[in-house]
C-alpha atoms as a PDB file:
ATOM      1  CA  MET A   1      -0.036   0.070   0.193  1.00  0.00           C
ATOM      2  CA  TYR A   2       2.731   2.498   1.245  1.00  0.00           C
ATOM      3  CA  SER A   3       4.959   1.916  -1.714  1.00  0.00           C
ATOM      4  CA  SER A   4       2.254   2.637  -4.584  1.00  0.00           C
ATOM      5  CA  LYS A   5       1.162   5.652  -2.557  1.00  0.00           C
ATOM      6  CA  PHE A   6       4.805   6.478  -2.897  1.00  0.00           C
ATOM      7  CA  LEU A   7       5.166   5.447  -6.935  1.00  0.00           C
ATOM      8  CA  GLU A   8       1.533   7.739  -7.644  1.00  0.00           C
ATOM      9  CA  THR A   9       3.685  10.657  -5.534  1.00  0.00           C
ATOM     10  CA  ALA A  10       7.052  10.388  -7.408  1.00  0.00           C
ATOM     11  CA  LYS A  11       5.365  10.247 -11.091  1.00  0.00           C
ATOM     12  CA  ARG A  12       3.457  13.068 -10.583  1.00  0.00           C
ATOM     13  CA  ILE A  13       6.008  15.206  -9.608  1.00  0.00           C
ATOM     14  CA  ILE A  14       7.740  13.644 -12.572  1.00  0.00           C
ATOM     15  CA  ARG A  15       5.033  14.735 -14.788  1.00  0.00           C
ATOM     16  CA  GLU A  16       4.651  17.901 -12.799  1.00  0.00           C
ATOM     17  CA  ASN A  17       8.772  18.682 -13.100  1.00  0.00           C
ATOM     18  CA  PRO A  18      10.391  17.400 -15.976  1.00  0.00           C
ATOM     19  CA  GLU A  19      13.041  19.474 -16.012  1.00  0.00           C
ATOM     20  CA  VAL A  20      14.387  18.620 -12.847  1.00  0.00           C
ATOM     21  CA  PHE A  21      14.553  15.296 -13.749  1.00  0.00           C
ATOM     22  CA  GLU A  22      15.963  16.349 -17.455  1.00  0.00           C
ATOM     23  CA  ALA A  23      19.189  18.246 -15.451  1.00  0.00           C
ATOM     24  CA  LEU A  24      19.717  14.995 -13.268  1.00  0.00           C
ATOM     25  CA  GLU A  25      19.739  12.713 -15.773  1.00  0.00           C
ATOM     26  CA  GLU A  26      22.182  14.915 -17.694  1.00  0.00           C
ATOM     27  CA  TYR A  27      24.194  14.860 -14.718  1.00  0.00           C
ATOM     28  CA  ASP A  28      24.444  11.369 -15.284  1.00  0.00           C
ATOM     29  CA  ARG A  29      25.599  11.596 -18.134  1.00  0.00           C
ATOM     30  CA  THR A  30      28.472  14.176 -17.694  1.00  0.00           C
ATOM     31  CA  ARG A  31      28.708  14.546 -14.265  1.00  0.00           C
ATOM     32  CA  LYS A  32      28.085  18.440 -14.387  1.00  0.00           C
ATOM     33  CA  LEU A  33      24.910  19.932 -12.955  1.00  0.00           C
ATOM     34  CA  ARG A  34      22.926  22.495 -15.392  1.00  0.00           C
ATOM     35  CA  LYS A  35      20.687  24.963 -14.282  1.00  0.00           C
ATOM     36  CA  VAL A  36      16.888  24.181 -14.198  1.00  0.00           C
ATOM     37  CA  SER A  37      15.780  27.868 -14.531  1.00  0.00           C
ATOM     38  CA  TYR A  38      17.269  30.141 -16.002  1.00  0.00           C
ATOM     39  CA  ARG A  39      16.124  34.187 -16.197  1.00  0.00           C
ATOM     40  CA  GLU A  40      16.155  36.462 -18.944  1.00  0.00           C
ATOM     41  CA  ARG A  41      17.016  39.855 -19.272  1.00  0.00           C
ATOM     42  CA  ILE A  42      14.315  41.907 -21.215  1.00  0.00           C
ATOM     43  CA  ASN A  43      13.412  45.514 -21.767  1.00  0.00           C
ATOM     44  CA  PHE A  44      10.363  47.399 -21.939  1.00  0.00           C
ATOM     45  CA  THR A  45       8.806  50.464 -21.211  1.00  0.00           C
ATOM     46  CA  ILE A  46       7.356  51.998 -18.559  1.00  0.00           C
ATOM     47  CA  ASP A  47       5.861  55.269 -17.325  1.00  0.00           C
ATOM     48  CA  SER A  48       9.216  56.818 -15.118  1.00  0.00           C
ATOM     49  CA  SER A  49       7.658  58.090 -12.439  1.00  0.00           C
ATOM     50  CA  LEU A  50       5.621  54.567 -11.275  1.00  0.00           C
ATOM     51  CA  LEU A  51       8.770  53.362 -12.230  1.00  0.00           C
ATOM     52  CA  SER A  52      10.538  55.558  -9.514  1.00  0.00           C
ATOM     53  CA  GLN A  53       7.978  54.721  -7.155  1.00  0.00           C
ATOM     54  CA  PHE A  54       8.187  51.321  -7.373  1.00  0.00           C
ATOM     55  CA  LYS A  55      12.109  51.519  -6.588  1.00  0.00           C
ATOM     56  CA  ASN A  56      11.469  53.222  -4.195  1.00  0.00           C
ATOM     57  CA  TYR A  57       9.046  50.529  -2.588  1.00  0.00           C
ATOM     58  CA  CYS A  58      10.880  47.963  -3.361  1.00  0.00           C
ATOM     59  CA  ARG A  59      13.904  49.458  -1.241  1.00  0.00           C
ATOM     60  CA  ASP A  60      12.105  50.343   1.541  1.00  0.00           C
ATOM     61  CA  LYS A  61      10.498  47.034   1.897  1.00  0.00           C
ATOM     62  CA  ASN A  62      13.712  44.959   0.392  1.00  0.00           C
ATOM     63  CA  ILE A  63      12.239  43.225  -2.141  1.00  0.00           C
ATOM     64  CA  ASN A  64      13.610  42.468  -5.233  1.00  0.00           C
ATOM     65  CA  MET A  65      12.148  43.851  -7.995  1.00  0.00           C
ATOM     66  CA  SER A  66      12.592  40.866 -10.562  1.00  0.00           C
ATOM     67  CA  ARG A  67      11.166  38.654  -8.200  1.00  0.00           C
ATOM     68  CA  LEU A  68       8.048  41.002  -7.308  1.00  0.00           C
ATOM     69  CA  ILE A  69       7.570  41.566 -11.020  1.00  0.00           C
ATOM     70  CA  GLU A  70       7.603  37.913 -12.082  1.00  0.00           C
ATOM     71  CA  LYS A  71       5.591  37.015  -8.904  1.00  0.00           C
ATOM     72  CA  HIS A  72       2.399  39.371 -10.353  1.00  0.00           C
ATOM     73  CA  MET A  73       3.019  37.978 -14.079  1.00  0.00           C
ATOM     74  CA  LYS A  74       2.479  34.452 -13.191  1.00  0.00           C
ATOM     75  CA  GLU A  75      -0.668  35.758 -10.948  1.00  0.00           C
ATOM     76  CA  GLU A  76      -2.143  37.157 -14.306  1.00  0.00           C
ATOM     77  CA  ILE A  77      -1.188  34.146 -15.841  1.00  0.00           C
ATOM     78  CA  ARG A  78      -2.879  31.873 -13.783  1.00  0.00           C
ATOM     79  CA  GLY A  79      -6.099  34.648 -13.808  1.00  0.00           C
END
């Protein structure tokens, strides 16, 4: 009973995070562990006043601007 639940959980995790297991397979072959999640620099334009306020807000709250933007992007996508 316990082993079947464990197996189901393992299969679900592999299905939900294939990139992690691909990285581990690559490590087995090469003995080098690549990054699972890459970050990419982007450029876009926004209101300069808003940017200034956002920078000040993040600095005052000790929040990483990129992480906060990512969080809101994910929330927007999920709906």
